[in-house]
């Protein structure tokens, strides 16, 4: 499988493996149970290049809320993947960055995480609902945050228009590895 080896740009989605081993492992186990690639456990939207520090800066959904993240170390990890080959016009890139900014500070979606775990373990008790069309989510996780931004801008995304809230890092990784924006 080909992994990311190029240069990112504003609006690209970066998939990484990071964090505490037991959290990372649980997310990757969920992906494996769903038949998805289980290499990564986190998703970040590239926001801008900081000319002062000479670094790419992203926006991520995380337990402390949506916020800024330095991409420097993440872009050189061997399991990092990014959708740099997905066609995006300059206006798409700008709108993805603006959509990401609009959720700055949004809290973590713990109910969405619980639902992802139920789905992966085949406990189909629906406790959380998908976000309504055209709604701005009040809570997000990293992968649903990116899926929502792409959906809002009208670009292909792994959740399509029906799985936005429950899109996982494994969905994004498969989407990138298989270039699903072509299908």
N, C-alpha and C. Protein backbone atom coordinates (compact mmCIF):
# COMPACT_ATOMS: atom_id res chain seq x y z
N UNK A 1 0.83 -1.18 0.00
CA UNK A 1 0.00 0.00 0.00
C UNK A 1 0.87 1.25 0.00
N UNK A 2 0.55 2.14 -0.89
CA UNK A 2 1.29 3.40 -0.95
C UNK A 2 0.86 4.30 0.19
N UNK A 3 1.80 4.92 0.85
CA UNK A 3 1.52 5.87 1.92
C UNK A 3 1.92 7.25 1.44
N UNK A 4 1.58 8.24 2.22
CA UNK A 4 1.88 9.63 1.91
C UNK A 4 3.39 9.87 1.85
N UNK A 5 3.85 10.54 0.81
CA UNK A 5 5.27 10.87 0.71
C UNK A 5 5.49 12.29 0.20
N UNK A 6 4.43 13.03 -0.05
CA UNK A 6 4.56 14.33 -0.69
C UNK A 6 4.43 15.51 0.25
N UNK A 7 3.98 16.60 -0.32
CA UNK A 7 3.80 17.84 0.42
C UNK A 7 2.31 18.14 0.52
N UNK A 8 1.89 18.51 1.71
CA UNK A 8 0.48 18.84 1.92
C UNK A 8 0.21 20.27 1.50
N UNK A 9 -1.08 20.61 1.47
CA UNK A 9 -1.51 21.96 1.17
C UNK A 9 -2.76 22.25 2.01
N UNK A 10 -3.16 23.48 2.06
CA UNK A 10 -4.35 23.89 2.81
C UNK A 10 -5.54 23.04 2.38
N UNK A 11 -6.30 22.55 3.36
CA UNK A 11 -7.50 21.77 3.07
C UNK A 11 -7.28 20.29 2.94
N UNK A 12 -6.04 19.84 2.88
CA UNK A 12 -5.79 18.40 2.82
C UNK A 12 -6.10 17.77 4.17
N UNK A 13 -6.41 16.48 4.14
CA UNK A 13 -6.65 15.71 5.37
C UNK A 13 -5.45 14.82 5.60
N UNK A 14 -4.92 14.85 6.81
CA UNK A 14 -3.77 14.04 7.21
C UNK A 14 -4.24 13.00 8.21
N UNK A 15 -3.92 11.74 7.97
CA UNK A 15 -4.22 10.64 8.89
C UNK A 15 -2.91 10.20 9.55
N UNK A 16 -2.91 10.08 10.87
CA UNK A 16 -1.69 9.73 11.59
C UNK A 16 -1.97 8.65 12.64
N UNK A 17 -0.88 8.09 13.16
CA UNK A 17 -0.96 7.22 14.33
C UNK A 17 -0.25 7.96 15.44
N UNK A 18 -0.96 8.20 16.53
CA UNK A 18 -0.37 8.97 17.63
C UNK A 18 -1.15 8.74 18.91
N UNK A 19 -0.63 9.29 19.99
CA UNK A 19 -1.32 9.24 21.28
C UNK A 19 -0.95 8.04 22.11
N UNK A 20 -1.63 7.91 23.24
CA UNK A 20 -1.39 6.80 24.16
C UNK A 20 -1.70 5.49 23.46
N UNK A 21 -0.88 4.48 23.69
CA UNK A 21 -0.99 3.21 22.98
C UNK A 21 -2.36 2.57 23.16
N UNK A 22 -2.95 2.67 24.33
CA UNK A 22 -4.21 1.98 24.57
C UNK A 22 -5.38 2.68 23.87
N UNK A 23 -5.30 3.99 23.72
CA UNK A 23 -6.34 4.71 22.98
C UNK A 23 -6.15 4.47 21.49
N UNK A 24 -4.91 4.64 21.03
CA UNK A 24 -4.58 4.40 19.62
C UNK A 24 -4.96 2.98 19.23
N UNK A 25 -4.61 2.02 20.10
CA UNK A 25 -4.91 0.62 19.82
C UNK A 25 -6.39 0.32 19.76
N UNK A 26 -7.16 0.94 20.65
CA UNK A 26 -8.61 0.73 20.65
C UNK A 26 -9.24 1.25 19.36
N UNK A 27 -8.82 2.43 18.91
CA UNK A 27 -9.35 2.99 17.67
C UNK A 27 -8.97 2.12 16.48
N UNK A 28 -7.72 1.65 16.46
CA UNK A 28 -7.27 0.80 15.36
C UNK A 28 -7.94 -0.58 15.39
N UNK A 29 -8.20 -1.11 16.60
CA UNK A 29 -8.93 -2.37 16.72
C UNK A 29 -10.34 -2.21 16.17
N UNK A 30 -10.98 -1.08 16.48
CA UNK A 30 -12.31 -0.81 15.92
C UNK A 30 -12.29 -0.82 14.40
N UNK A 31 -11.25 -0.22 13.82
CA UNK A 31 -11.13 -0.22 12.35
C UNK A 31 -10.99 -1.64 11.83
N UNK A 32 -10.14 -2.43 12.47
CA UNK A 32 -9.93 -3.82 12.05
C UNK A 32 -11.24 -4.61 12.13
N UNK A 33 -12.02 -4.41 13.20
CA UNK A 33 -13.29 -5.11 13.34
C UNK A 33 -14.29 -4.73 12.25
N UNK A 34 -14.15 -3.51 11.72
CA UNK A 34 -15.02 -3.04 10.64
C UNK A 34 -14.48 -3.39 9.25
N UNK A 35 -13.33 -4.05 9.20
CA UNK A 35 -12.72 -4.39 7.92
C UNK A 35 -12.05 -3.21 7.24
N UNK A 36 -11.68 -2.21 8.03
CA UNK A 36 -11.01 -1.01 7.51
C UNK A 36 -9.51 -1.09 7.76
N UNK A 37 -8.70 -0.31 7.04
CA UNK A 37 -7.28 -0.25 7.37
C UNK A 37 -7.12 0.18 8.84
N UNK A 38 -6.15 -0.43 9.51
CA UNK A 38 -5.99 -0.16 10.94
C UNK A 38 -4.61 0.40 11.25
N UNK A 39 -4.10 1.23 10.35
CA UNK A 39 -2.76 1.82 10.53
C UNK A 39 -2.79 3.10 11.36
N UNK A 40 -3.87 3.87 11.24
CA UNK A 40 -3.91 5.21 11.83
C UNK A 40 -5.05 5.32 12.84
N UNK A 41 -5.00 6.37 13.66
CA UNK A 41 -6.05 6.58 14.65
C UNK A 41 -6.43 8.05 14.82
N UNK A 42 -5.93 8.92 13.95
CA UNK A 42 -6.22 10.34 14.13
C UNK A 42 -6.26 11.03 12.77
N UNK A 43 -7.08 12.08 12.67
CA UNK A 43 -7.27 12.83 11.43
C UNK A 43 -7.14 14.32 11.72
N UNK A 44 -6.44 15.04 10.85
CA UNK A 44 -6.21 16.48 11.01
C UNK A 44 -6.45 17.16 9.67
N UNK A 45 -7.05 18.35 9.69
CA UNK A 45 -7.20 19.16 8.48
C UNK A 45 -6.04 20.16 8.43
N UNK A 46 -5.33 20.20 7.30
CA UNK A 46 -4.25 21.18 7.12
C UNK A 46 -4.88 22.55 6.98
N UNK A 47 -4.43 23.52 7.77
CA UNK A 47 -5.04 24.84 7.76
C UNK A 47 -4.18 25.90 7.07
N UNK A 48 -2.91 26.01 7.44
CA UNK A 48 -2.05 27.04 6.83
C UNK A 48 -0.58 26.72 7.06
N UNK A 49 0.26 27.39 6.30
CA UNK A 49 1.71 27.30 6.50
C UNK A 49 2.15 28.55 7.23
N UNK A 50 2.82 28.38 8.37
CA UNK A 50 3.30 29.49 9.17
C UNK A 50 4.70 29.86 8.68
N UNK A 51 4.80 30.99 8.00
CA UNK A 51 6.09 31.42 7.44
C UNK A 51 7.09 31.83 8.49
N UNK A 52 6.63 32.20 9.68
CA UNK A 52 7.55 32.59 10.76
C UNK A 52 8.26 31.36 11.32
N UNK A 53 7.51 30.29 11.61
CA UNK A 53 8.12 29.08 12.17
C UNK A 53 8.47 28.05 11.11
N UNK A 54 8.07 28.31 9.85
CA UNK A 54 8.35 27.41 8.73
C UNK A 54 7.70 26.03 8.96
N UNK A 55 6.44 26.04 9.39
CA UNK A 55 5.74 24.80 9.72
C UNK A 55 4.30 24.83 9.20
N UNK A 56 3.81 23.63 8.85
CA UNK A 56 2.39 23.47 8.53
C UNK A 56 1.61 23.37 9.83
N UNK A 57 0.48 24.06 9.88
CA UNK A 57 -0.40 24.06 11.05
C UNK A 57 -1.75 23.48 10.63
N UNK A 58 -2.30 22.63 11.48
CA UNK A 58 -3.59 22.02 11.19
C UNK A 58 -4.59 22.33 12.27
N UNK A 59 -5.82 21.89 12.04
CA UNK A 59 -6.88 21.97 13.04
C UNK A 59 -7.39 20.54 13.25
N UNK A 60 -7.52 20.16 14.52
CA UNK A 60 -7.93 18.80 14.85
C UNK A 60 -9.06 18.81 15.87
N UNK A 61 -9.89 17.76 15.81
CA UNK A 61 -10.84 17.50 16.86
C UNK A 61 -10.15 16.62 17.89
N UNK A 62 -10.27 16.96 19.17
CA UNK A 62 -9.59 16.22 20.24
C UNK A 62 -10.40 16.36 21.53
N UNK A 63 -10.11 15.54 22.53
CA UNK A 63 -10.89 15.61 23.77
C UNK A 63 -10.97 16.99 24.40
N UNK A 64 -9.99 17.84 24.24
CA UNK A 64 -10.04 19.19 24.80
C UNK A 64 -10.81 20.17 23.95
N UNK A 65 -11.30 19.74 22.80
CA UNK A 65 -12.02 20.61 21.88
C UNK A 65 -11.22 20.82 20.60
N UNK A 66 -11.88 21.28 19.56
CA UNK A 66 -11.23 21.53 18.28
C UNK A 66 -10.19 22.63 18.45
N UNK A 67 -8.98 22.40 17.95
CA UNK A 67 -7.93 23.39 18.13
C UNK A 67 -6.76 23.20 17.18
N UNK A 68 -5.79 24.09 17.31
CA UNK A 68 -4.60 24.10 16.45
C UNK A 68 -3.65 22.96 16.81
N UNK A 69 -2.89 22.53 15.79
CA UNK A 69 -1.86 21.52 16.00
C UNK A 69 -0.73 21.74 15.00
N UNK A 70 0.49 21.59 15.46
CA UNK A 70 1.69 21.66 14.62
C UNK A 70 1.83 20.31 13.91
N UNK A 71 1.93 20.33 12.59
CA UNK A 71 1.99 19.09 11.81
C UNK A 71 3.41 18.58 11.57
N UNK A 72 4.42 19.31 12.01
CA UNK A 72 5.81 18.99 11.68
C UNK A 72 6.15 17.52 11.94
N UNK A 73 6.00 17.05 13.16
CA UNK A 73 6.36 15.67 13.50
C UNK A 73 5.44 14.66 12.83
N UNK A 74 4.19 15.01 12.68
CA UNK A 74 3.22 14.07 12.11
C UNK A 74 3.47 13.79 10.62
N UNK A 75 3.96 14.79 9.90
CA UNK A 75 4.17 14.63 8.46
C UNK A 75 5.35 13.73 8.11
N UNK A 76 6.21 13.44 9.06
CA UNK A 76 7.37 12.58 8.79
C UNK A 76 7.20 11.18 9.35
N UNK A 77 6.10 10.89 10.01
CA UNK A 77 5.87 9.54 10.54
C UNK A 77 5.60 8.57 9.39
N UNK A 78 6.13 7.35 9.49
CA UNK A 78 6.00 6.41 8.37
C UNK A 78 4.57 5.97 8.05
N UNK A 79 3.66 6.03 9.00
CA UNK A 79 2.29 5.59 8.74
C UNK A 79 1.34 6.73 8.39
N UNK A 80 1.88 7.95 8.32
CA UNK A 80 1.05 9.10 7.96
C UNK A 80 0.54 8.96 6.53
N UNK A 81 -0.67 9.39 6.32
CA UNK A 81 -1.30 9.34 5.00
C UNK A 81 -2.04 10.66 4.81
N UNK A 82 -2.17 11.11 3.58
CA UNK A 82 -2.88 12.37 3.30
C UNK A 82 -3.54 12.29 1.93
N UNK A 83 -4.62 13.01 1.78
CA UNK A 83 -5.38 12.99 0.52
C UNK A 83 -4.87 14.07 -0.46
N UNK A 84 -3.58 14.21 -0.58
CA UNK A 84 -2.99 15.23 -1.44
C UNK A 84 -3.35 15.02 -2.91
N UNK A 85 -3.66 13.80 -3.30
CA UNK A 85 -4.01 13.53 -4.70
C UNK A 85 -5.48 13.80 -5.02
N UNK A 86 -6.30 14.01 -3.99
CA UNK A 86 -7.71 14.30 -4.25
C UNK A 86 -7.83 15.68 -4.87
N UNK A 87 -8.47 15.79 -6.02
CA UNK A 87 -8.61 17.10 -6.67
C UNK A 87 -9.37 18.09 -5.79
N UNK A 88 -8.79 19.29 -5.65
CA UNK A 88 -9.41 20.38 -4.89
C UNK A 88 -9.04 21.68 -5.58
N UNK A 89 -10.03 22.53 -5.83
CA UNK A 89 -9.74 23.85 -6.37
C UNK A 89 -9.33 24.76 -5.21
N UNK A 90 -8.71 25.89 -5.53
CA UNK A 90 -8.27 26.82 -4.49
C UNK A 90 -9.42 27.28 -3.62
N UNK A 91 -10.60 27.51 -4.21
CA UNK A 91 -11.73 27.94 -3.39
C UNK A 91 -12.18 26.84 -2.44
N UNK A 92 -12.04 25.55 -2.85
CA UNK A 92 -12.34 24.44 -1.94
C UNK A 92 -11.41 24.48 -0.74
N UNK A 93 -10.12 24.66 -1.02
CA UNK A 93 -9.12 24.68 0.06
C UNK A 93 -9.45 25.78 1.07
N UNK A 94 -9.77 26.96 0.58
CA UNK A 94 -10.11 28.08 1.45
C UNK A 94 -11.36 27.76 2.27
N UNK A 95 -12.39 27.21 1.61
CA UNK A 95 -13.65 26.92 2.30
C UNK A 95 -13.50 25.79 3.33
N UNK A 96 -12.64 24.80 3.05
CA UNK A 96 -12.38 23.75 4.04
C UNK A 96 -11.74 24.37 5.28
N UNK A 97 -10.75 25.24 5.07
CA UNK A 97 -10.09 25.91 6.20
C UNK A 97 -11.08 26.75 6.99
N UNK A 98 -11.95 27.47 6.30
CA UNK A 98 -12.96 28.30 6.99
C UNK A 98 -13.97 27.41 7.74
N UNK A 99 -14.38 26.30 7.14
CA UNK A 99 -15.30 25.39 7.83
C UNK A 99 -14.64 24.85 9.09
N UNK A 100 -13.37 24.48 9.00
CA UNK A 100 -12.64 23.98 10.17
C UNK A 100 -12.58 25.05 11.26
N UNK A 101 -12.30 26.29 10.87
CA UNK A 101 -12.26 27.39 11.83
C UNK A 101 -13.60 27.58 12.52
N UNK A 102 -14.69 27.36 11.80
CA UNK A 102 -16.02 27.60 12.37
C UNK A 102 -16.33 26.67 13.54
N UNK A 103 -15.62 25.55 13.63
CA UNK A 103 -15.84 24.62 14.74
C UNK A 103 -14.77 24.74 15.81
N UNK A 104 -13.92 25.77 15.71
CA UNK A 104 -12.85 25.95 16.70
C UNK A 104 -13.44 25.98 18.10
N UNK A 105 -12.91 25.14 18.99
CA UNK A 105 -13.38 25.07 20.37
C UNK A 105 -14.53 24.11 20.59
N UNK A 106 -15.12 23.55 19.51
CA UNK A 106 -16.24 22.60 19.68
C UNK A 106 -15.79 21.43 20.54
N UNK A 107 -16.61 21.00 21.49
CA UNK A 107 -16.23 19.90 22.37
C UNK A 107 -16.17 18.55 21.66
N UNK A 108 -15.55 17.61 22.32
CA UNK A 108 -15.40 16.25 21.81
C UNK A 108 -16.74 15.51 21.86
N UNK A 109 -17.00 14.69 20.87
CA UNK A 109 -18.26 13.95 20.77
C UNK A 109 -18.12 12.57 21.41
N UNK A 110 -18.23 12.52 22.73
CA UNK A 110 -18.09 11.24 23.43
C UNK A 110 -19.21 10.27 23.07
N UNK A 111 -20.42 10.76 22.81
CA UNK A 111 -21.51 9.88 22.38
C UNK A 111 -21.20 9.27 21.01
N UNK A 112 -20.57 10.07 20.13
CA UNK A 112 -20.17 9.55 18.83
C UNK A 112 -19.12 8.45 18.96
N UNK A 113 -18.17 8.64 19.88
CA UNK A 113 -17.15 7.61 20.12
C UNK A 113 -17.81 6.34 20.64
N UNK A 114 -18.75 6.47 21.58
CA UNK A 114 -19.45 5.30 22.10
C UNK A 114 -20.20 4.58 21.00
N UNK A 115 -20.81 5.36 20.09
CA UNK A 115 -21.54 4.76 18.97
C UNK A 115 -20.58 4.03 18.03
N UNK A 116 -19.42 4.63 17.75
CA UNK A 116 -18.41 3.96 16.92
C UNK A 116 -18.02 2.62 17.54
N UNK A 117 -17.84 2.59 18.87
CA UNK A 117 -17.47 1.35 19.56
C UNK A 117 -18.60 0.32 19.45
N UNK A 118 -19.84 0.77 19.59
CA UNK A 118 -20.98 -0.16 19.45
C UNK A 118 -21.04 -0.74 18.05
N UNK A 119 -20.83 0.10 17.06
CA UNK A 119 -20.87 -0.37 15.66
C UNK A 119 -19.75 -1.38 15.41
N UNK A 120 -18.54 -1.06 15.87
CA UNK A 120 -17.39 -1.94 15.63
C UNK A 120 -17.56 -3.29 16.32
N UNK A 121 -18.18 -3.31 17.50
CA UNK A 121 -18.35 -4.56 18.24
C UNK A 121 -19.68 -5.24 17.93
N UNK A 122 -20.40 -4.69 16.97
CA UNK A 122 -21.67 -5.25 16.49
C UNK A 122 -22.78 -5.21 17.55
N UNK A 123 -22.69 -4.26 18.47
CA UNK A 123 -23.77 -4.03 19.43
C UNK A 123 -24.60 -2.89 18.85
N UNK A 124 -25.57 -3.22 18.07
CA UNK A 124 -26.28 -2.25 17.23
C UNK A 124 -27.32 -1.44 17.99
N UNK A 125 -27.12 -1.18 19.23
CA UNK A 125 -28.04 -0.34 20.00
C UNK A 125 -27.77 1.11 19.65
N UNK A 126 -28.60 1.71 18.87
CA UNK A 126 -28.40 3.09 18.42
C UNK A 126 -28.67 4.04 19.57
N UNK A 127 -27.59 4.66 20.08
CA UNK A 127 -27.74 5.59 21.19
C UNK A 127 -27.54 7.03 20.73
N UNK A 128 -26.90 7.20 19.60
CA UNK A 128 -26.62 8.54 19.09
C UNK A 128 -27.14 8.63 17.65
N UNK A 129 -27.55 9.79 17.27
CA UNK A 129 -28.11 9.99 15.93
C UNK A 129 -27.12 10.71 15.02
N UNK A 130 -27.27 10.49 13.73
CA UNK A 130 -26.48 11.22 12.73
C UNK A 130 -26.88 12.69 12.80
N UNK A 131 -25.96 13.58 12.43
CA UNK A 131 -26.29 15.00 12.40
C UNK A 131 -27.29 15.28 11.28
N UNK A 132 -28.23 16.17 11.51
CA UNK A 132 -29.17 16.53 10.44
C UNK A 132 -28.42 17.20 9.28
N UNK A 133 -28.95 17.04 8.08
CA UNK A 133 -28.35 17.71 6.91
C UNK A 133 -28.28 19.21 7.16
N UNK A 134 -27.19 19.81 6.72
CA UNK A 134 -26.95 21.25 6.81
C UNK A 134 -26.83 21.78 8.23
N UNK A 135 -26.75 20.89 9.23
CA UNK A 135 -26.58 21.33 10.61
C UNK A 135 -25.10 21.54 10.92
N UNK A 136 -24.81 22.45 11.82
CA UNK A 136 -23.46 22.63 12.32
C UNK A 136 -23.34 21.78 13.58
N UNK A 137 -22.41 20.81 13.58
CA UNK A 137 -22.33 19.93 14.74
C UNK A 137 -21.89 20.67 15.99
N UNK A 138 -22.46 20.28 17.12
CA UNK A 138 -22.10 20.89 18.39
C UNK A 138 -20.93 20.19 19.04
N UNK A 139 -20.67 18.94 18.64
CA UNK A 139 -19.57 18.14 19.17
C UNK A 139 -19.01 17.31 18.02
N UNK A 140 -17.69 17.11 18.01
CA UNK A 140 -17.06 16.35 16.92
C UNK A 140 -15.92 15.50 17.45
N UNK A 141 -15.53 14.51 16.66
CA UNK A 141 -14.25 13.82 16.82
C UNK A 141 -13.44 14.16 15.58
N UNK A 142 -12.17 13.82 15.59
CA UNK A 142 -11.27 14.25 14.52
C UNK A 142 -11.76 13.87 13.12
N UNK A 143 -12.19 12.64 12.95
CA UNK A 143 -12.57 12.16 11.62
C UNK A 143 -13.92 12.68 11.17
N UNK A 144 -14.87 12.83 12.09
CA UNK A 144 -16.17 13.38 11.71
C UNK A 144 -16.05 14.87 11.39
N UNK A 145 -15.18 15.54 12.09
CA UNK A 145 -14.89 16.96 11.86
C UNK A 145 -14.42 17.17 10.41
N UNK A 146 -13.47 16.35 9.96
CA UNK A 146 -12.96 16.46 8.59
C UNK A 146 -14.03 16.07 7.57
N UNK A 147 -14.78 15.02 7.86
CA UNK A 147 -15.83 14.58 6.94
C UNK A 147 -16.88 15.66 6.78
N UNK A 148 -17.28 16.28 7.88
CA UNK A 148 -18.26 17.38 7.84
C UNK A 148 -17.76 18.54 7.00
N UNK A 149 -16.49 18.93 7.17
CA UNK A 149 -15.93 20.06 6.41
C UNK A 149 -15.95 19.75 4.91
N UNK A 150 -15.57 18.53 4.54
CA UNK A 150 -15.57 18.17 3.12
C UNK A 150 -16.99 18.12 2.57
N UNK A 151 -17.90 17.58 3.35
CA UNK A 151 -19.30 17.53 2.91
C UNK A 151 -19.86 18.94 2.73
N UNK A 152 -19.55 19.83 3.67
CA UNK A 152 -20.03 21.21 3.62
C UNK A 152 -19.56 21.93 2.35
N UNK A 153 -18.33 21.61 1.92
CA UNK A 153 -17.73 22.25 0.75
C UNK A 153 -18.15 21.56 -0.55
N UNK A 154 -18.71 20.35 -0.44
CA UNK A 154 -19.17 19.64 -1.63
C UNK A 154 -18.12 18.73 -2.24
N UNK A 155 -17.10 18.37 -1.47
CA UNK A 155 -16.07 17.44 -1.97
C UNK A 155 -16.38 16.03 -1.50
N UNK A 156 -15.93 15.05 -2.28
CA UNK A 156 -16.08 13.65 -1.90
C UNK A 156 -15.43 13.44 -0.54
N UNK A 157 -16.07 12.60 0.28
CA UNK A 157 -15.59 12.30 1.62
C UNK A 157 -15.97 10.87 1.96
N UNK A 158 -15.28 10.25 2.91
CA UNK A 158 -15.55 8.82 3.17
C UNK A 158 -16.93 8.53 3.71
N UNK A 159 -17.57 9.46 4.37
CA UNK A 159 -18.90 9.22 4.92
C UNK A 159 -20.02 9.51 3.95
N UNK A 160 -19.69 10.12 2.81
CA UNK A 160 -20.75 10.54 1.90
C UNK A 160 -21.66 11.51 2.62
N UNK A 161 -22.94 11.45 2.36
CA UNK A 161 -23.89 12.32 3.06
C UNK A 161 -24.66 11.59 4.15
N UNK A 162 -24.27 10.33 4.45
CA UNK A 162 -25.05 9.57 5.41
C UNK A 162 -24.28 9.11 6.64
N UNK A 163 -22.96 9.19 6.63
CA UNK A 163 -22.16 8.65 7.74
C UNK A 163 -21.29 9.71 8.39
N UNK A 164 -21.58 10.96 8.23
CA UNK A 164 -20.71 12.04 8.66
C UNK A 164 -20.27 11.91 10.12
N UNK A 165 -21.20 11.82 11.05
CA UNK A 165 -20.86 11.81 12.48
C UNK A 165 -20.06 10.58 12.88
N UNK A 166 -20.26 9.47 12.19
CA UNK A 166 -19.63 8.22 12.58
C UNK A 166 -18.49 7.80 11.67
N UNK A 167 -17.94 8.74 10.92
CA UNK A 167 -16.75 8.48 10.10
C UNK A 167 -15.57 8.33 11.04
N UNK A 168 -14.75 7.32 10.81
CA UNK A 168 -13.59 7.03 11.66
C UNK A 168 -12.28 7.30 10.91
N UNK A 169 -11.15 7.33 11.61
CA UNK A 169 -9.86 7.44 10.92
C UNK A 169 -9.66 6.31 9.90
N UNK A 170 -10.15 5.11 10.22
CA UNK A 170 -10.04 4.00 9.27
C UNK A 170 -10.80 4.27 7.98
N UNK A 171 -11.96 4.92 8.07
CA UNK A 171 -12.71 5.30 6.86
C UNK A 171 -11.89 6.28 6.02
N UNK A 172 -11.28 7.28 6.68
CA UNK A 172 -10.46 8.24 5.93
C UNK A 172 -9.25 7.55 5.30
N UNK A 173 -8.61 6.64 6.04
CA UNK A 173 -7.43 5.96 5.50
C UNK A 173 -7.80 5.13 4.27
N UNK A 174 -8.91 4.38 4.34
CA UNK A 174 -9.36 3.60 3.18
C UNK A 174 -9.69 4.52 2.00
N UNK A 175 -10.38 5.62 2.30
CA UNK A 175 -10.76 6.60 1.28
C UNK A 175 -9.51 7.09 0.53
N UNK A 176 -8.45 7.36 1.27
CA UNK A 176 -7.20 7.86 0.67
C UNK A 176 -6.46 6.75 -0.05
N UNK A 177 -6.27 5.60 0.61
CA UNK A 177 -5.52 4.50 0.01
C UNK A 177 -6.16 4.03 -1.29
N UNK A 178 -7.49 3.97 -1.33
CA UNK A 178 -8.21 3.47 -2.51
C UNK A 178 -8.63 4.58 -3.48
N UNK A 179 -8.24 5.83 -3.15
CA UNK A 179 -8.61 6.98 -3.97
C UNK A 179 -10.12 6.96 -4.28
N UNK A 180 -10.90 6.78 -3.24
CA UNK A 180 -12.35 6.64 -3.40
C UNK A 180 -13.04 7.89 -3.94
N UNK A 181 -12.36 9.01 -3.96
CA UNK A 181 -12.96 10.22 -4.56
C UNK A 181 -13.17 10.01 -6.05
N UNK A 182 -12.49 9.03 -6.65
CA UNK A 182 -12.66 8.73 -8.07
C UNK A 182 -13.94 7.94 -8.34
N UNK A 183 -14.48 7.29 -7.32
CA UNK A 183 -15.64 6.41 -7.51
C UNK A 183 -16.88 7.10 -7.10
